[in-house]
Amino acid sequence: MNYQHKNLASGKWFELTFFEQMANVGSEVERAISWRDKNREYSIKAIERALELLGLTIENTKNRIHLKELKRLHEVLVDYFYFDNQFVSSDKLWHNYFHPFNYAARRNK
């Protein structure tokens, strides 16, 4: 696979805590949202990076306990950004979902 985050994919990602991983995914989702109306290409690249990082998070065996949630998260993100938003997600929902991970990642440092 051709990773955009080559350094992280080579093993560094697996050194991060679950909270740090999810905060990074959330940062890319926030970028995708903020660019959506300004530059569609940048928005798509950001959501691709978010999905790549989420994929690495799913692969991380220490996150097995969260596997069901992570796979559902992937499904709902793809639906929101690429399809018909059948789960009725919103920008605010994504902000509210990822914000606690940012808080926890900073707090645990």
PDB file of N, CA and C in Angstrom:
ATOM      1  N   MET A   1       0.838  -1.186   0.000  1.00  0.00           N
ATOM      2  CA  MET A   1       0.000   0.000   0.000  1.00  0.00           C
ATOM      3  C   MET A   1       0.878   1.242   0.000  1.00  0.00           C
ATOM      4  N   ASN A   2       0.447   2.263  -0.690  1.00  0.00           N
ATOM      5  CA  ASN A   2       1.183   3.519  -0.754  1.00  0.00           C
ATOM      6  C   ASN A   2       0.638   4.474   0.307  1.00  0.00           C
ATOM      7  N   TYR A   3       1.282   4.518   1.461  1.00  0.00           N
ATOM      8  CA  TYR A   3       0.825   5.331   2.574  1.00  0.00           C
ATOM      9  C   TYR A   3       1.232   6.784   2.405  1.00  0.00           C
ATOM     10  N   GLN A   4       0.346   7.688   2.787  1.00  0.00           N
ATOM     11  CA  GLN A   4       0.690   9.104   2.844  1.00  0.00           C
ATOM     12  C   GLN A   4       1.498   9.394   4.103  1.00  0.00           C
ATOM     13  N   HIS A   5       1.227   8.643   5.155  1.00  0.00           N
ATOM     14  CA  HIS A   5       1.938   8.776   6.426  1.00  0.00           C
ATOM     15  C   HIS A   5       2.965   7.646   6.539  1.00  0.00           C
ATOM     16  N   LYS A   6       3.973   7.687   5.715  1.00  0.00           N
ATOM     17  CA  LYS A   6       4.948   6.592   5.650  1.00  0.00           C
ATOM     18  C   LYS A   6       5.645   6.350   6.989  1.00  0.00           C
ATOM     19  N   ASN A   7       6.042   7.404   7.678  1.00  0.00           N
ATOM     20  CA  ASN A   7       6.732   7.272   8.961  1.00  0.00           C
ATOM     21  C   ASN A   7       5.826   6.603   9.995  1.00  0.00           C
ATOM     22  N   LEU A   8       4.582   7.006  10.020  1.00  0.00           N
ATOM     23  CA  LEU A   8       3.648   6.414  10.975  1.00  0.00           C
ATOM     24  C   LEU A   8       3.341   4.963  10.616  1.00  0.00           C
ATOM     25  N   ALA A   9       3.138   4.697   9.335  1.00  0.00           N
ATOM     26  CA  ALA A   9       2.805   3.341   8.885  1.00  0.00           C
ATOM     27  C   ALA A   9       3.952   2.368   9.124  1.00  0.00           C
ATOM     28  N   SER A  10       5.178   2.876   9.159  1.00  0.00           N
ATOM     29  CA  SER A  10       6.326   1.996   9.351  1.00  0.00           C
ATOM     30  C   SER A  10       6.500   1.546  10.800  1.00  0.00           C
ATOM     31  N   GLY A  11       5.648   2.000  11.697  1.00  0.00           N
ATOM     32  CA  GLY A  11       5.702   1.507  13.068  1.00  0.00           C
ATOM     33  C   GLY A  11       5.484   2.567  14.137  1.00  0.00           C
ATOM     34  N   LYS A  12       5.753   3.813  13.813  1.00  0.00           N
ATOM     35  CA  LYS A  12       5.621   4.875  14.807  1.00  0.00           C
ATOM     36  C   LYS A  12       4.177   5.014  15.303  1.00  0.00           C
ATOM     37  N   TRP A  13       3.212   4.761  14.420  1.00  0.00           N
ATOM     38  CA  TRP A  13       1.804   4.874  14.800  1.00  0.00           C
ATOM     39  C   TRP A  13       1.462   3.959  15.973  1.00  0.00           C
ATOM     40  N   PHE A  14       2.062   2.786  15.987  1.00  0.00           N
ATOM     41  CA  PHE A  14       1.743   1.794  16.999  1.00  0.00           C
ATOM     42  C   PHE A  14       2.347   2.128  18.361  1.00  0.00           C
ATOM     43  N   GLU A  15       3.222   3.129  18.397  1.00  0.00           N
ATOM     44  CA  GLU A  15       3.786   3.601  19.662  1.00  0.00           C
ATOM     45  C   GLU A  15       2.870   4.618  20.349  1.00  0.00           C
ATOM     46  N   LEU A  16       1.937   5.191  19.589  1.00  0.00           N
ATOM     47  CA  LEU A  16       1.024   6.187  20.145  1.00  0.00           C
ATOM     48  C   LEU A  16      -0.069   5.505  20.959  1.00  0.00           C
ATOM     49  N   THR A  17      -0.611   6.239  21.920  1.00  0.00           N
ATOM     50  CA  THR A  17      -1.737   5.711  22.685  1.00  0.00           C
ATOM     51  C   THR A  17      -2.986   5.733  21.800  1.00  0.00           C
ATOM     52  N   PHE A  18      -4.007   5.012  22.228  1.00  0.00           N
ATOM     53  CA  PHE A  18      -5.277   5.017  21.514  1.00  0.00           C
ATOM     54  C   PHE A  18      -5.824   6.444  21.406  1.00  0.00           C
ATOM     55  N   PHE A  19      -5.737   7.200  22.488  1.00  0.00           N
ATOM     56  CA  PHE A  19      -6.232   8.578  22.474  1.00  0.00           C
ATOM     57  C   PHE A  19      -5.467   9.432  21.461  1.00  0.00           C
ATOM     58  N   GLU A  20      -4.151   9.264  21.404  1.00  0.00           N
ATOM     59  CA  GLU A  20      -3.348  10.026  20.438  1.00  0.00           C
ATOM     60  C   GLU A  20      -3.698   9.629  19.003  1.00  0.00           C
ATOM     61  N   GLN A  21      -3.885   8.350  18.779  1.00  0.00           N
ATOM     62  CA  GLN A  21      -4.260   7.887  17.439  1.00  0.00           C
ATOM     63  C   GLN A  21      -5.596   8.501  17.020  1.00  0.00           C
ATOM     64  N   MET A  22      -6.575   8.436  17.896  1.00  0.00           N
ATOM     65  CA  MET A  22      -7.898   8.954  17.555  1.00  0.00           C
ATOM     66  C   MET A  22      -7.886  10.479  17.424  1.00  0.00           C
ATOM     67  N   ALA A  23      -7.086  11.155  18.214  1.00  0.00           N
ATOM     68  CA  ALA A  23      -6.970  12.610  18.088  1.00  0.00           C
ATOM     69  C   ALA A  23      -6.390  12.976  16.720  1.00  0.00           C
ATOM     70  N   ASN A  24      -5.428  12.199  16.241  1.00  0.00           N
ATOM     71  CA  ASN A  24      -4.846  12.445  14.918  1.00  0.00           C
ATOM     72  C   ASN A  24      -5.858  12.177  13.806  1.00  0.00           C
ATOM     73  N   VAL A  25      -6.635  11.125  13.948  1.00  0.00           N
ATOM     74  CA  VAL A  25      -7.699  10.857  12.977  1.00  0.00           C
ATOM     75  C   VAL A  25      -8.663  12.044  12.969  1.00  0.00           C
ATOM     76  N   GLY A  26      -9.040  12.488  14.156  1.00  0.00           N
ATOM     77  CA  GLY A  26      -9.960  13.613  14.279  1.00  0.00           C
ATOM     78  C   GLY A  26      -9.428  14.890  13.666  1.00  0.00           C
ATOM     79  N   SER A  27      -8.129  15.118  13.776  1.00  0.00           N
ATOM     80  CA  SER A  27      -7.528  16.315  13.163  1.00  0.00           C
ATOM     81  C   SER A  27      -7.702  16.298  11.654  1.00  0.00           C
ATOM     82  N   GLU A  28      -7.525  15.143  11.068  1.00  0.00           N
ATOM     83  CA  GLU A  28      -7.706  15.034   9.614  1.00  0.00           C
ATOM     84  C   GLU A  28      -9.174  15.195   9.227  1.00  0.00           C
ATOM     85  N   VAL A  29     -10.079  14.672  10.043  1.00  0.00           N
ATOM     86  CA  VAL A  29     -11.516  14.847   9.780  1.00  0.00           C
ATOM     87  C   VAL A  29     -11.867  16.332   9.858  1.00  0.00           C
ATOM     88  N   GLU A  30     -11.340  17.019  10.864  1.00  0.00           N
ATOM     89  CA  GLU A  30     -11.583  18.463  10.988  1.00  0.00           C
ATOM     90  C   GLU A  30     -11.045  19.215   9.762  1.00  0.00           C
ATOM     91  N   ARG A  31      -9.886  18.817   9.268  1.00  0.00           N
ATOM     92  CA  ARG A  31      -9.334  19.448   8.057  1.00  0.00           C
ATOM     93  C   ARG A  31     -10.254  19.210   6.857  1.00  0.00           C
ATOM     94  N   ALA A  32     -10.737  17.982   6.745  1.00  0.00           N
ATOM     95  CA  ALA A  32     -11.641  17.644   5.629  1.00  0.00           C
ATOM     96  C   ALA A  32     -12.896  18.509   5.683  1.00  0.00           C
ATOM     97  N   ILE A  33     -13.420  18.705   6.865  1.00  0.00           N
ATOM     98  CA  ILE A  33     -14.625  19.528   7.024  1.00  0.00           C
ATOM     99  C   ILE A  33     -14.321  20.979   6.690  1.00  0.00           C
ATOM    100  N   SER A  34     -13.218  21.504   7.213  1.00  0.00           N
ATOM    101  CA  SER A  34     -12.923  22.921   7.004  1.00  0.00           C
ATOM    102  C   SER A  34     -12.594  23.242   5.543  1.00  0.00           C
ATOM    103  N   TRP A  35     -12.049  22.282   4.804  1.00  0.00           N
ATOM    104  CA  TRP A  35     -11.709  22.511   3.398  1.00  0.00           C
ATOM    105  C   TRP A  35     -12.852  22.199   2.439  1.00  0.00           C
ATOM    106  N   ARG A  36     -13.873  21.510   2.906  1.00  0.00           N
ATOM    107  CA  ARG A  36     -14.924  21.016   2.021  1.00  0.00           C
ATOM    108  C   ARG A  36     -15.510  22.102   1.115  1.00  0.00           C
ATOM    109  N   ASP A  37     -15.807  23.280   1.648  1.00  0.00           N
ATOM    110  CA  ASP A  37     -16.412  24.337   0.847  1.00  0.00           C
ATOM    111  C   ASP A  37     -15.384  25.244   0.167  1.00  0.00           C
ATOM    112  N   LYS A  38     -14.122  25.168   0.588  1.00  0.00           N
ATOM    113  CA  LYS A  38     -13.085  26.034   0.034  1.00  0.00           C
ATOM    114  C   LYS A  38     -12.309  25.381  -1.100  1.00  0.00           C
ATOM    115  N   ASN A  39     -11.963  24.115  -0.899  1.00  0.00           N
ATOM    116  CA  ASN A  39     -11.140  23.415  -1.886  1.00  0.00           C
ATOM    117  C   ASN A  39     -11.441  21.918  -1.767  1.00  0.00           C
ATOM    118  N   ARG A  40     -12.274  21.440  -2.661  1.00  0.00           N
ATOM    119  CA  ARG A  40     -12.738  20.044  -2.612  1.00  0.00           C
ATOM    120  C   ARG A  40     -11.571  19.052  -2.639  1.00  0.00           C
ATOM    121  N   GLU A  41     -10.548  19.346  -3.438  1.00  0.00           N
ATOM    122  CA  GLU A  41      -9.395  18.450  -3.544  1.00  0.00           C
ATOM    123  C   GLU A  41      -8.682  18.303  -2.190  1.00  0.00           C
ATOM    124  N   TYR A  42      -8.468  19.404  -1.482  1.00  0.00           N
ATOM    125  CA  TYR A  42      -7.826  19.352  -0.169  1.00  0.00           C
ATOM    126  C   TYR A  42      -8.690  18.576   0.824  1.00  0.00           C
ATOM    127  N   SER A  43     -10.001  18.784   0.724  1.00  0.00           N
ATOM    128  CA  SER A  43     -10.918  18.081   1.617  1.00  0.00           C
ATOM    129  C   SER A  43     -10.834  16.570   1.406  1.00  0.00           C
ATOM    130  N   ILE A  44     -10.836  16.147   0.161  1.00  0.00           N
ATOM    131  CA  ILE A  44     -10.756  14.715  -0.157  1.00  0.00           C
ATOM    132  C   ILE A  44      -9.424  14.139   0.324  1.00  0.00           C
ATOM    133  N   LYS A  45      -8.342  14.871   0.122  1.00  0.00           N
ATOM    134  CA  LYS A  45      -7.035  14.388   0.588  1.00  0.00           C
ATOM    135  C   LYS A  45      -7.015  14.228   2.109  1.00  0.00           C
ATOM    136  N   ALA A  46      -7.653  15.160   2.809  1.00  0.00           N
ATOM    137  CA  ALA A  46      -7.687  15.088   4.275  1.00  0.00           C
ATOM    138  C   ALA A  46      -8.506  13.884   4.745  1.00  0.00           C
ATOM    139  N   ILE A  47      -9.642  13.625   4.113  1.00  0.00           N
ATOM    140  CA  ILE A  47     -10.434  12.473   4.557  1.00  0.00           C
ATOM    141  C   ILE A  47      -9.727  11.173   4.183  1.00  0.00           C
ATOM    142  N   GLU A  48      -9.001  11.164   3.074  1.00  0.00           N
ATOM    143  CA  GLU A  48      -8.205   9.981   2.737  1.00  0.00           C
ATOM    144  C   GLU A  48      -7.140   9.722   3.793  1.00  0.00           C
ATOM    145  N   ARG A  49      -6.494  10.795   4.275  1.00  0.00           N
ATOM    146  CA  ARG A  49      -5.496  10.642   5.338  1.00  0.00           C
ATOM    147  C   ARG A  49      -6.162  10.147   6.622  1.00  0.00           C
ATOM    148  N   ALA A  50      -7.348  10.687   6.929  1.00  0.00           N
ATOM    149  CA  ALA A  50      -8.066  10.250   8.135  1.00  0.00           C
ATOM    150  C   ALA A  50      -8.385   8.762   8.057  1.00  0.00           C
ATOM    151  N   LEU A  51      -8.858   8.320   6.903  1.00  0.00           N
ATOM    152  CA  LEU A  51      -9.197   6.903   6.737  1.00  0.00           C
ATOM    153  C   LEU A  51      -7.952   6.021   6.780  1.00  0.00           C
ATOM    154  N   GLU A  52      -6.844   6.532   6.258  1.00  0.00           N
ATOM    155  CA  GLU A  52      -5.583   5.786   6.335  1.00  0.00           C
ATOM    156  C   GLU A  52      -5.169   5.608   7.795  1.00  0.00           C
ATOM    157  N   LEU A  53      -5.222   6.691   8.573  1.00  0.00           N
ATOM    158  CA  LEU A  53      -4.857   6.608   9.987  1.00  0.00           C
ATOM    159  C   LEU A  53      -5.828   5.728  10.758  1.00  0.00           C
ATOM    160  N   LEU A  54      -7.095   5.816  10.422  1.00  0.00           N
ATOM    161  CA  LEU A  54      -8.078   4.952  11.067  1.00  0.00           C
ATOM    162  C   LEU A  54      -7.792   3.485  10.736  1.00  0.00           C
ATOM    163  N   GLY A  55      -7.394   3.217   9.508  1.00  0.00           N
ATOM    164  CA  GLY A  55      -7.022   1.858   9.124  1.00  0.00           C
ATOM    165  C   GLY A  55      -5.841   1.339   9.945  1.00  0.00           C
ATOM    166  N   LEU A  56      -4.861   2.203  10.168  1.00  0.00           N
ATOM    167  CA  LEU A  56      -3.721   1.809  11.004  1.00  0.00           C
ATOM    168  C   LEU A  56      -4.171   1.564  12.444  1.00  0.00           C
ATOM    169  N   THR A  57      -5.105   2.360  12.917  1.00  0.00           N
ATOM    170  CA  THR A  57      -5.640   2.185  14.273  1.00  0.00           C
ATOM    171  C   THR A  57      -6.373   0.848  14.382  1.00  0.00           C
ATOM    172  N   ILE A  58      -7.121   0.506  13.347  1.00  0.00           N
ATOM    173  CA  ILE A  58      -7.836  -0.775  13.332  1.00  0.00           C
ATOM    174  C   ILE A  58      -6.848  -1.937  13.309  1.00  0.00           C
ATOM    175  N   GLU A  59      -5.750  -1.795  12.578  1.00  0.00           N
ATOM    176  CA  GLU A  59      -4.727  -2.848  12.499  1.00  0.00           C
ATOM    177  C   GLU A  59      -3.985  -3.047  13.808  1.00  0.00           C
ATOM    178  N   ASN A  60      -3.947  -2.032  14.640  1.00  0.00           N
ATOM    179  CA  ASN A  60      -3.188  -2.070  15.886  1.00  0.00           C
ATOM    180  C   ASN A  60      -3.839  -3.055  16.859  1.00  0.00           C
ATOM    181  N   THR A  61      -3.147  -4.140  17.156  1.00  0.00           N
ATOM    182  CA  THR A  61      -3.718  -5.206  17.991  1.00  0.00           C
ATOM    183  C   THR A  61      -4.047  -4.733  19.405  1.00  0.00           C
ATOM    184  N   LYS A  62      -3.390  -3.697  19.897  1.00  0.00           N
ATOM    185  CA  LYS A  62      -3.701  -3.222  21.250  1.00  0.00           C
ATOM    186  C   LYS A  62      -5.069  -2.530  21.301  1.00  0.00           C
ATOM    187  N   ASN A  63      -5.658  -2.270  20.143  1.00  0.00           N
ATOM    188  CA  ASN A  63      -6.965  -1.616  20.088  1.00  0.00           C
ATOM    189  C   ASN A  63      -8.108  -2.601  19.845  1.00  0.00           C
ATOM    190  N   ARG A  64      -7.850  -3.879  20.036  1.00  0.00           N
ATOM    191  CA  ARG A  64      -8.881  -4.911  19.785  1.00  0.00           C
ATOM    192  C   ARG A  64     -10.187  -4.623  20.513  1.00  0.00           C
ATOM    193  N   ILE A  65     -10.084  -4.111  21.717  1.00  0.00           N
ATOM    194  CA  ILE A  65     -11.281  -3.840  22.518  1.00  0.00           C
ATOM    195  C   ILE A  65     -12.189  -2.810  21.843  1.00  0.00           C
ATOM    196  N   HIS A  66     -11.625  -1.978  20.993  1.00  0.00           N
ATOM    197  CA  HIS A  66     -12.375  -0.920  20.308  1.00  0.00           C
ATOM    198  C   HIS A  66     -12.704  -1.276  18.860  1.00  0.00           C
ATOM    199  N   LEU A  67     -12.431  -2.497  18.467  1.00  0.00           N
ATOM    200  CA  LEU A  67     -12.525  -2.867  17.054  1.00  0.00           C
ATOM    201  C   LEU A  67     -13.907  -2.615  16.457  1.00  0.00           C
ATOM    202  N   LYS A  68     -14.949  -2.981  17.163  1.00  0.00           N
ATOM    203  CA  LYS A  68     -16.307  -2.794  16.640  1.00  0.00           C
ATOM    204  C   LYS A  68     -16.594  -1.304  16.415  1.00  0.00           C
ATOM    205  N   GLU A  69     -16.246  -0.474  17.381  1.00  0.00           N
ATOM    206  CA  GLU A  69     -16.464   0.969  17.242  1.00  0.00           C
ATOM    207  C   GLU A  69     -15.634   1.541  16.097  1.00  0.00           C
ATOM    208  N   LEU A  70     -14.389   1.117  15.974  1.00  0.00           N
ATOM    209  CA  LEU A  70     -13.511   1.637  14.926  1.00  0.00           C
ATOM    210  C   LEU A  70     -14.019   1.285  13.536  1.00  0.00           C
ATOM    211  N   LYS A  71     -14.498   0.064  13.383  1.00  0.00           N
ATOM    212  CA  LYS A  71     -15.022  -0.336  12.075  1.00  0.00           C
ATOM    213  C   LYS A  71     -16.307   0.412  11.753  1.00  0.00           C
ATOM    214  N   ARG A  72     -17.150   0.625  12.741  1.00  0.00           N
ATOM    215  CA  ARG A  72     -18.371   1.407  12.521  1.00  0.00           C
ATOM    216  C   ARG A  72     -18.003   2.857  12.199  1.00  0.00           C
ATOM    217  N   LEU A  73     -17.022   3.396  12.893  1.00  0.00           N
ATOM    218  CA  LEU A  73     -16.546   4.754  12.619  1.00  0.00           C
ATOM    219  C   LEU A  73     -16.116   4.883  11.164  1.00  0.00           C
ATOM    220  N   HIS A  74     -15.376   3.914  10.684  1.00  0.00           N
ATOM    221  CA  HIS A  74     -14.937   3.919   9.281  1.00  0.00           C
ATOM    222  C   HIS A  74     -16.151   3.957   8.354  1.00  0.00           C
ATOM    223  N   GLU A  75     -17.116   3.101   8.628  1.00  0.00           N
ATOM    224  CA  GLU A  75     -18.321   3.024   7.805  1.00  0.00           C
ATOM    225  C   GLU A  75     -19.074   4.363   7.777  1.00  0.00           C
ATOM    226  N   VAL A  76     -19.209   4.983   8.939  1.00  0.00           N
ATOM    227  CA  VAL A  76     -19.981   6.224   9.024  1.00  0.00           C
ATOM    228  C   VAL A  76     -19.217   7.390   8.395  1.00  0.00           C
ATOM    229  N   LEU A  77     -17.900   7.434   8.559  1.00  0.00           N
ATOM    230  CA  LEU A  77     -17.100   8.482   7.901  1.00  0.00           C
ATOM    231  C   LEU A  77     -17.200   8.375   6.380  1.00  0.00           C
ATOM    232  N   VAL A  78     -17.070   7.174   5.860  1.00  0.00           N
ATOM    233  CA  VAL A  78     -17.173   6.968   4.412  1.00  0.00           C
ATOM    234  C   VAL A  78     -18.556   7.394   3.929  1.00  0.00           C
ATOM    235  N   ASP A  79     -19.586   7.020   4.660  1.00  0.00           N
ATOM    236  CA  ASP A  79     -20.950   7.407   4.291  1.00  0.00           C
ATOM    237  C   ASP A  79     -21.101   8.927   4.281  1.00  0.00           C
ATOM    238  N   TYR A  80     -20.542   9.597   5.277  1.00  0.00           N
ATOM    239  CA  TYR A  80     -20.684  11.050   5.397  1.00  0.00           C
ATOM    240  C   TYR A  80     -19.951  11.800   4.287  1.00  0.00           C
ATOM    241  N   PHE A  81     -18.741  11.384   4.000  1.00  0.00           N
ATOM    242  CA  PHE A  81     -17.923  12.136   3.050  1.00  0.00           C
ATOM    243  C   PHE A  81     -18.075  11.684   1.597  1.00  0.00           C
ATOM    244  N   TYR A  82     -18.492  10.440   1.359  1.00  0.00           N
ATOM    245  CA  TYR A  82     -18.530   9.930  -0.014  1.00  0.00           C
ATOM    246  C   TYR A  82     -19.921   9.535  -0.513  1.00  0.00           C
ATOM    247  N   PHE A  83     -20.848   9.273   0.397  1.00  0.00           N
ATOM    248  CA  PHE A  83     -22.142   8.748  -0.039  1.00  0.00           C
ATOM    249  C   PHE A  83     -23.293   9.626   0.428  1.00  0.00           C
ATOM    250  N   ASP A  84     -24.412   9.047   0.811  1.00  0.00           N
ATOM    251  CA  ASP A  84     -25.661   9.771   1.044  1.00  0.00           C
ATOM    252  C   ASP A  84     -25.909  10.191   2.491  1.00  0.00           C
ATOM    253  N   ASN A  85     -24.950   9.963   3.375  1.00  0.00           N
ATOM    254  CA  ASN A  85     -25.107  10.324   4.790  1.00  0.00           C
ATOM    255  C   ASN A  85     -26.355   9.677   5.394  1.00  0.00           C
ATOM    256  N   GLN A  86     -26.503   8.398   5.167  1.00  0.00           N
ATOM    257  CA  GLN A  86     -27.670   7.681   5.688  1.00  0.00           C
ATOM    258  C   GLN A  86     -27.693   7.627   7.210  1.00  0.00           C
ATOM    259  N   PHE A  87     -26.550   7.855   7.856  1.00  0.00           N
ATOM    260  CA  PHE A  87     -26.499   7.855   9.316  1.00  0.00           C
ATOM    261  C   PHE A  87     -26.768   9.244   9.895  1.00  0.00           C
ATOM    262  N   VAL A  88     -27.027  10.201   9.036  1.00  0.00           N
ATOM    263  CA  VAL A  88     -27.381  11.574   9.400  1.00  0.00           C
ATOM    264  C   VAL A  88     -26.309  12.203  10.303  1.00  0.00           C
ATOM    265  N   SER A  89     -25.067  12.085   9.886  1.00  0.00           N
ATOM    266  CA  SER A  89     -23.956  12.709  10.599  1.00  0.00           C
ATOM    267  C   SER A  89     -23.939  14.200  10.264  1.00  0.00           C
ATOM    268  N   SER A  90     -23.188  14.945  11.052  1.00  0.00           N
ATOM    269  CA  SER A  90     -23.043  16.379  10.802  1.00  0.00           C
ATOM    270  C   SER A  90     -21.638  16.815  11.202  1.00  0.00           C
ATOM    271  N   ASP A  91     -21.245  17.996  10.761  1.00  0.00           N
ATOM    272  CA  ASP A  91     -19.940  18.529  11.155  1.00  0.00           C
ATOM    273  C   ASP A  91     -19.850  18.614  12.679  1.00  0.00           C
ATOM    274  N   LYS A  92     -20.916  19.074  13.310  1.00  0.00           N
ATOM    275  CA  LYS A  92     -20.938  19.197  14.770  1.00  0.00           C
ATOM    276  C   LYS A  92     -20.793  17.833  15.443  1.00  0.00           C
ATOM    277  N   LEU A  93     -21.451  16.817  14.909  1.00  0.00           N
ATOM    278  CA  LEU A  93     -21.327  15.471  15.467  1.00  0.00           C
ATOM    279  C   LEU A  93     -19.867  15.035  15.451  1.00  0.00           C
ATOM    280  N   TRP A  94     -19.174  15.255  14.336  1.00  0.00           N
ATOM    281  CA  TRP A  94     -17.771  14.839  14.237  1.00  0.00           C
ATOM    282  C   TRP A  94     -16.903  15.620  15.210  1.00  0.00           C
ATOM    283  N   HIS A  95     -17.169  16.906  15.324  1.00  0.00           N
ATOM    284  CA  HIS A  95     -16.403  17.704  16.280  1.00  0.00           C
ATOM    285  C   HIS A  95     -16.621  17.167  17.701  1.00  0.00           C
ATOM    286  N   ASN A  96     -17.864  16.922  18.047  1.00  0.00           N
ATOM    287  CA  ASN A  96     -18.180  16.420  19.393  1.00  0.00           C
ATOM    288  C   ASN A  96     -17.628  15.015  19.631  1.00  0.00           C
ATOM    289  N   TYR A  97     -17.548  14.197  18.593  1.00  0.00           N
ATOM    290  CA  TYR A  97     -17.021  12.841  18.738  1.00  0.00           C
ATOM    291  C   TYR A  97     -15.509  12.873  18.993  1.00  0.00           C
ATOM    292  N   PHE A  98     -14.781  13.662  18.223  1.00  0.00           N
ATOM    293  CA  PHE A  98     -13.320  13.629  18.314  1.00  0.00           C
ATOM    294  C   PHE A  98     -12.736  14.542  19.397  1.00  0.00           C
ATOM    295  N   HIS A  99     -13.464  15.551  19.817  1.00  0.00           N
ATOM    296  CA  HIS A  99     -12.933  16.488  20.814  1.00  0.00           C
ATOM    297  C   HIS A  99     -12.448  15.798  22.096  1.00  0.00           C
ATOM    298  N   PRO A 100     -13.200  14.865  22.666  1.00  0.00           N
ATOM    299  CA  PRO A 100     -12.709  14.205  23.890  1.00  0.00           C
ATOM    300  C   PRO A 100     -11.387  13.449  23.693  1.00  0.00           C
ATOM    301  N   PHE A 101     -11.144  12.929  22.496  1.00  0.00           N
ATOM    302  CA  PHE A 101      -9.869  12.248  22.248  1.00  0.00           C
ATOM    303  C   PHE A 101      -8.711  13.250  22.290  1.00  0.00           C
ATOM    304  N   ASN A 102      -8.936  14.442  21.734  1.00  0.00           N
ATOM    305  CA  ASN A 102      -7.907  15.486  21.791  1.00  0.00           C
ATOM    306  C   ASN A 102      -7.616  15.857  23.252  1.00  0.00           C
ATOM    307  N   TYR A 103      -8.666  16.030  24.013  1.00  0.00           N
ATOM    308  CA  TYR A 103      -8.520  16.378  25.433  1.00  0.00           C
ATOM    309  C   TYR A 103      -7.749  15.276  26.170  1.00  0.00           C
ATOM    310  N   ALA A 104      -8.160  14.034  25.976  1.00  0.00           N
ATOM    311  CA  ALA A 104      -7.516  12.913  26.667  1.00  0.00           C
ATOM    312  C   ALA A 104      -6.063  12.742  26.240  1.00  0.00           C
ATOM    313  N   ALA A 105      -5.782  12.931  24.953  1.00  0.00           N
ATOM    314  CA  ALA A 105      -4.402  12.787  24.460  1.00  0.00           C
ATOM    315  C   ALA A 105      -3.496  13.826  25.113  1.00  0.00           C
ATOM    316  N   ARG A 106      -3.981  15.060  25.225  1.00  0.00           N
ATOM    317  CA  ARG A 106      -3.176  16.125  25.844  1.00  0.00           C
ATOM    318  C   ARG A 106      -3.028  15.901  27.338  1.00  0.00           C
ATOM    319  N   ARG A 107      -4.081  15.441  27.958  1.00  0.00           N
ATOM    320  CA  ARG A 107      -4.082  15.245  29.418  1.00  0.00           C
ATOM    321  C   ARG A 107      -3.134  14.123  29.843  1.00  0.00           C
ATOM    322  N   ASN A 108      -3.000  13.097  29.010  1.00  0.00           N
ATOM    323  CA  ASN A 108      -2.179  11.933  29.338  1.00  0.00           C
ATOM    324  C   ASN A 108      -0.708  12.120  29.003  1.00  0.00           C
ATOM    325  N   LYS A 109      -0.306  13.273  28.536  1.00  0.00           N
ATOM    326  CA  LYS A 109       1.114  13.501  28.191  1.00  0.00           C
ATOM    327  C   LYS A 109       1.932  13.805  29.420  1.00  0.00           C
TER     328      LYS A 109
END
